[in-house]
Amino acid sequence: MAATLMQRLRQILASAFDGAEVSLRRHQPGGRIGGSITWEGFEGKPQIDRQVELRRAINEHVGPEERVQVSFILTLTPAEQSAMAEAT
């Protein structure tokens, strides 16, 4: 059985960002995939550079017809993730 796009994205991101916590879900309406990736390697990097790394990893393994199903994925450090959790 072929892996779903969400399963493949989890594998792609876990491989590209070793040790990262990857959280993805389908958003309604539309069913696009979004979420967050928390990784120590983002420490000290501006958000734009993190997004470039993320998109590069996705673009290398996911074709354009499936990429349109991927919405925004937050790129966070563990400290940022912790601060967000405390704020909610």
N, C-alpha and C. Protein backbone atom coordinates (compact mmCIF):
# COMPACT_ATOMS: atom_id res chain seq x y z
N MET A 1 0.84 -1.18 0.00
CA MET A 1 0.00 0.00 0.00
C MET A 1 0.89 1.25 0.00
N ALA A 2 0.61 2.19 -0.85
CA ALA A 2 1.40 3.41 -0.97
C ALA A 2 1.13 4.32 0.24
N ALA A 3 2.18 5.01 0.67
CA ALA A 3 2.05 5.94 1.78
C ALA A 3 1.26 7.17 1.35
N THR A 4 0.49 7.71 2.26
CA THR A 4 -0.24 8.93 1.97
C THR A 4 0.74 10.09 1.93
N LEU A 5 0.31 11.21 1.37
CA LEU A 5 1.16 12.39 1.33
C LEU A 5 1.57 12.81 2.74
N MET A 6 0.66 12.77 3.69
CA MET A 6 1.00 13.17 5.05
C MET A 6 2.07 12.25 5.64
N GLN A 7 1.95 10.95 5.42
CA GLN A 7 2.96 10.01 5.91
C GLN A 7 4.31 10.28 5.26
N ARG A 8 4.28 10.53 3.96
CA ARG A 8 5.53 10.82 3.25
C ARG A 8 6.16 12.12 3.75
N LEU A 9 5.34 13.14 3.97
CA LEU A 9 5.87 14.40 4.49
C LEU A 9 6.52 14.21 5.85
N ARG A 10 5.88 13.45 6.72
CA ARG A 10 6.47 13.18 8.04
C ARG A 10 7.84 12.52 7.89
N GLN A 11 7.92 11.54 7.00
CA GLN A 11 9.19 10.84 6.78
C GLN A 11 10.24 11.77 6.19
N ILE A 12 9.86 12.57 5.21
CA ILE A 12 10.76 13.51 4.56
C ILE A 12 11.32 14.50 5.58
N LEU A 13 10.44 15.08 6.39
CA LEU A 13 10.87 16.09 7.35
C LEU A 13 11.69 15.48 8.49
N ALA A 14 11.32 14.30 8.94
CA ALA A 14 12.09 13.64 9.99
C ALA A 14 13.49 13.30 9.50
N SER A 15 13.61 12.97 8.24
CA SER A 15 14.91 12.65 7.66
C SER A 15 15.75 13.92 7.42
N ALA A 16 15.12 14.96 6.90
CA ALA A 16 15.84 16.20 6.59
C ALA A 16 16.26 16.96 7.85
N PHE A 17 15.46 16.84 8.92
CA PHE A 17 15.73 17.56 10.17
C PHE A 17 15.85 16.52 11.29
N ASP A 18 16.99 15.85 11.33
CA ASP A 18 17.22 14.74 12.26
C ASP A 18 16.94 15.14 13.71
N GLY A 19 16.06 14.40 14.34
CA GLY A 19 15.71 14.64 15.73
C GLY A 19 14.56 15.62 15.92
N ALA A 20 13.99 16.10 14.83
CA ALA A 20 12.90 17.08 14.92
C ALA A 20 11.60 16.43 15.37
N GLU A 21 10.76 17.23 15.99
CA GLU A 21 9.39 16.83 16.30
C GLU A 21 8.51 17.39 15.19
N VAL A 22 7.86 16.51 14.45
CA VAL A 22 7.04 16.91 13.31
C VAL A 22 5.57 16.67 13.67
N SER A 23 4.78 17.73 13.57
CA SER A 23 3.35 17.65 13.87
C SER A 23 2.59 18.16 12.65
N LEU A 24 1.85 17.28 12.00
CA LEU A 24 1.09 17.65 10.80
C LEU A 24 -0.37 17.25 10.97
N ARG A 25 -1.25 18.01 10.31
CA ARG A 25 -2.66 17.64 10.29
C ARG A 25 -3.31 18.26 9.06
N ARG A 26 -4.46 17.73 8.71
CA ARG A 26 -5.24 18.27 7.58
C ARG A 26 -6.17 19.34 8.13
N HIS A 27 -6.14 20.49 7.50
CA HIS A 27 -7.00 21.61 7.90
C HIS A 27 -8.26 21.61 7.04
N GLN A 28 -9.36 21.90 7.66
CA GLN A 28 -10.64 22.00 6.96
C GLN A 28 -11.08 23.45 6.95
N PRO A 29 -11.71 23.95 5.95
CA PRO A 29 -12.08 23.25 4.73
C PRO A 29 -10.90 23.15 3.78
N GLY A 30 -11.00 22.32 2.82
CA GLY A 30 -9.98 22.19 1.79
C GLY A 30 -9.03 21.02 1.98
N GLY A 31 -8.83 20.60 3.20
CA GLY A 31 -8.00 19.44 3.45
C GLY A 31 -6.51 19.60 3.23
N ARG A 32 -6.02 20.86 3.24
CA ARG A 32 -4.59 21.06 3.06
C ARG A 32 -3.84 20.66 4.32
N ILE A 33 -2.59 20.25 4.15
CA ILE A 33 -1.76 19.78 5.26
C ILE A 33 -0.94 20.95 5.79
N GLY A 34 -0.96 21.12 7.11
CA GLY A 34 -0.15 22.14 7.77
C GLY A 34 0.30 21.62 9.11
N GLY A 35 1.05 22.43 9.82
CA GLY A 35 1.48 22.01 11.15
C GLY A 35 2.73 22.72 11.58
N SER A 36 3.60 21.97 12.26
CA SER A 36 4.83 22.56 12.76
C SER A 36 5.95 21.53 12.78
N ILE A 37 7.16 22.05 12.76
CA ILE A 37 8.35 21.23 12.96
C ILE A 37 9.21 21.96 13.98
N THR A 38 9.55 21.25 15.06
CA THR A 38 10.36 21.80 16.14
C THR A 38 11.71 21.11 16.10
N TRP A 39 12.77 21.92 15.98
CA TRP A 39 14.10 21.35 15.78
C TRP A 39 15.16 22.27 16.38
N GLU A 40 16.09 21.70 17.11
CA GLU A 40 17.19 22.48 17.70
C GLU A 40 18.04 23.17 16.64
N GLY A 41 18.13 22.58 15.47
CA GLY A 41 18.93 23.14 14.39
C GLY A 41 18.44 24.48 13.87
N PHE A 42 17.22 24.88 14.23
CA PHE A 42 16.70 26.18 13.82
C PHE A 42 17.22 27.31 14.72
N GLU A 43 17.82 26.95 15.84
CA GLU A 43 18.31 27.95 16.79
C GLU A 43 19.26 28.93 16.09
N GLY A 44 18.99 30.22 16.26
CA GLY A 44 19.85 31.26 15.71
C GLY A 44 19.62 31.58 14.24
N LYS A 45 18.69 30.87 13.60
CA LYS A 45 18.41 31.12 12.18
C LYS A 45 17.16 31.97 12.05
N PRO A 46 17.18 32.94 11.14
CA PRO A 46 15.96 33.72 10.91
C PRO A 46 14.85 32.84 10.31
N GLN A 47 13.62 33.24 10.56
CA GLN A 47 12.47 32.47 10.09
C GLN A 47 12.51 32.23 8.57
N ILE A 48 12.94 33.22 7.81
CA ILE A 48 12.97 33.06 6.35
C ILE A 48 13.93 31.95 5.95
N ASP A 49 15.07 31.85 6.62
CA ASP A 49 16.03 30.78 6.31
C ASP A 49 15.48 29.41 6.69
N ARG A 50 14.76 29.36 7.77
CA ARG A 50 14.13 28.09 8.19
C ARG A 50 13.12 27.64 7.14
N GLN A 51 12.30 28.58 6.66
CA GLN A 51 11.29 28.25 5.66
C GLN A 51 11.93 27.82 4.34
N VAL A 52 13.05 28.44 3.98
CA VAL A 52 13.76 28.04 2.76
C VAL A 52 14.25 26.60 2.90
N GLU A 53 14.82 26.26 4.05
CA GLU A 53 15.27 24.88 4.28
C GLU A 53 14.11 23.90 4.21
N LEU A 54 13.00 24.26 4.84
CA LEU A 54 11.81 23.41 4.84
C LEU A 54 11.30 23.19 3.42
N ARG A 55 11.13 24.26 2.67
CA ARG A 55 10.62 24.15 1.30
C ARG A 55 11.58 23.37 0.41
N ARG A 56 12.86 23.56 0.61
CA ARG A 56 13.85 22.80 -0.18
C ARG A 56 13.67 21.30 0.06
N ALA A 57 13.53 20.90 1.33
CA ALA A 57 13.34 19.49 1.66
C ALA A 57 12.06 18.95 1.01
N ILE A 58 10.98 19.72 1.08
CA ILE A 58 9.72 19.27 0.50
C ILE A 58 9.83 19.21 -1.02
N ASN A 59 10.37 20.25 -1.63
CA ASN A 59 10.45 20.32 -3.09
C ASN A 59 11.31 19.21 -3.70
N GLU A 60 12.31 18.74 -2.95
CA GLU A 60 13.17 17.66 -3.45
C GLU A 60 12.44 16.33 -3.56
N HIS A 61 11.37 16.16 -2.77
CA HIS A 61 10.73 14.84 -2.68
C HIS A 61 9.25 14.81 -3.04
N VAL A 62 8.65 15.98 -3.23
CA VAL A 62 7.21 16.04 -3.50
C VAL A 62 7.01 16.83 -4.79
N GLY A 63 6.27 16.25 -5.71
CA GLY A 63 6.02 16.90 -6.99
C GLY A 63 5.08 18.08 -6.86
N PRO A 64 5.07 18.95 -7.87
CA PRO A 64 4.24 20.15 -7.82
C PRO A 64 2.74 19.88 -7.65
N GLU A 65 2.26 18.77 -8.22
CA GLU A 65 0.83 18.46 -8.11
C GLU A 65 0.43 18.12 -6.68
N GLU A 66 1.37 17.64 -5.86
CA GLU A 66 1.07 17.36 -4.45
C GLU A 66 1.46 18.52 -3.55
N ARG A 67 2.43 19.31 -3.95
CA ARG A 67 2.87 20.45 -3.12
C ARG A 67 1.73 21.43 -2.86
N VAL A 68 0.80 21.55 -3.79
CA VAL A 68 -0.32 22.47 -3.60
C VAL A 68 -1.21 22.04 -2.43
N GLN A 69 -1.05 20.82 -1.97
CA GLN A 69 -1.82 20.33 -0.82
C GLN A 69 -1.17 20.69 0.51
N VAL A 70 0.04 21.27 0.46
CA VAL A 70 0.78 21.60 1.68
C VAL A 70 0.58 23.08 1.99
N SER A 71 0.04 23.34 3.16
CA SER A 71 -0.18 24.70 3.63
C SER A 71 1.04 25.14 4.43
N PHE A 72 0.87 26.09 5.31
CA PHE A 72 1.98 26.63 6.10
C PHE A 72 2.41 25.66 7.19
N ILE A 73 3.72 25.47 7.30
CA ILE A 73 4.29 24.66 8.36
C ILE A 73 5.21 25.57 9.17
N LEU A 74 4.89 25.75 10.45
CA LEU A 74 5.71 26.58 11.32
C LEU A 74 7.05 25.90 11.57
N THR A 75 8.11 26.69 11.64
CA THR A 75 9.45 26.18 11.95
C THR A 75 9.88 26.81 13.27
N LEU A 76 9.99 25.98 14.31
CA LEU A 76 10.21 26.46 15.67
C LEU A 76 11.42 25.81 16.32
N THR A 77 12.05 26.54 17.24
CA THR A 77 13.05 25.94 18.11
C THR A 77 12.31 25.34 19.30
N PRO A 78 12.95 24.45 20.07
CA PRO A 78 12.28 23.93 21.26
C PRO A 78 11.86 25.04 22.24
N ALA A 79 12.68 26.08 22.40
CA ALA A 79 12.34 27.18 23.30
C ALA A 79 11.09 27.93 22.79
N GLU A 80 11.01 28.15 21.49
CA GLU A 80 9.84 28.82 20.91
C GLU A 80 8.58 27.96 21.10
N GLN A 81 8.72 26.67 20.89
CA GLN A 81 7.58 25.75 21.07
C GLN A 81 7.11 25.79 22.53
N SER A 82 8.06 25.80 23.45
CA SER A 82 7.73 25.86 24.86
C SER A 82 7.00 27.15 25.22
N ALA A 83 7.49 28.26 24.69
CA ALA A 83 6.86 29.56 24.96
C ALA A 83 5.44 29.59 24.40
N MET A 84 5.23 29.01 23.25
CA MET A 84 3.88 28.96 22.66
C MET A 84 2.95 28.11 23.53
N ALA A 85 3.46 26.99 24.03
CA ALA A 85 2.65 26.12 24.87
C ALA A 85 2.26 26.82 26.18
N GLU A 86 3.19 27.60 26.73
CA GLU A 86 2.90 28.32 27.98
C GLU A 86 1.87 29.42 27.76
N ALA A 87 1.85 30.00 26.57
CA ALA A 87 0.95 31.11 26.27
C ALA A 87 -0.49 30.65 26.07
N THR A 88 -0.69 29.35 25.83
CA THR A 88 -2.05 28.88 25.58
C THR A 88 -2.66 28.26 26.81
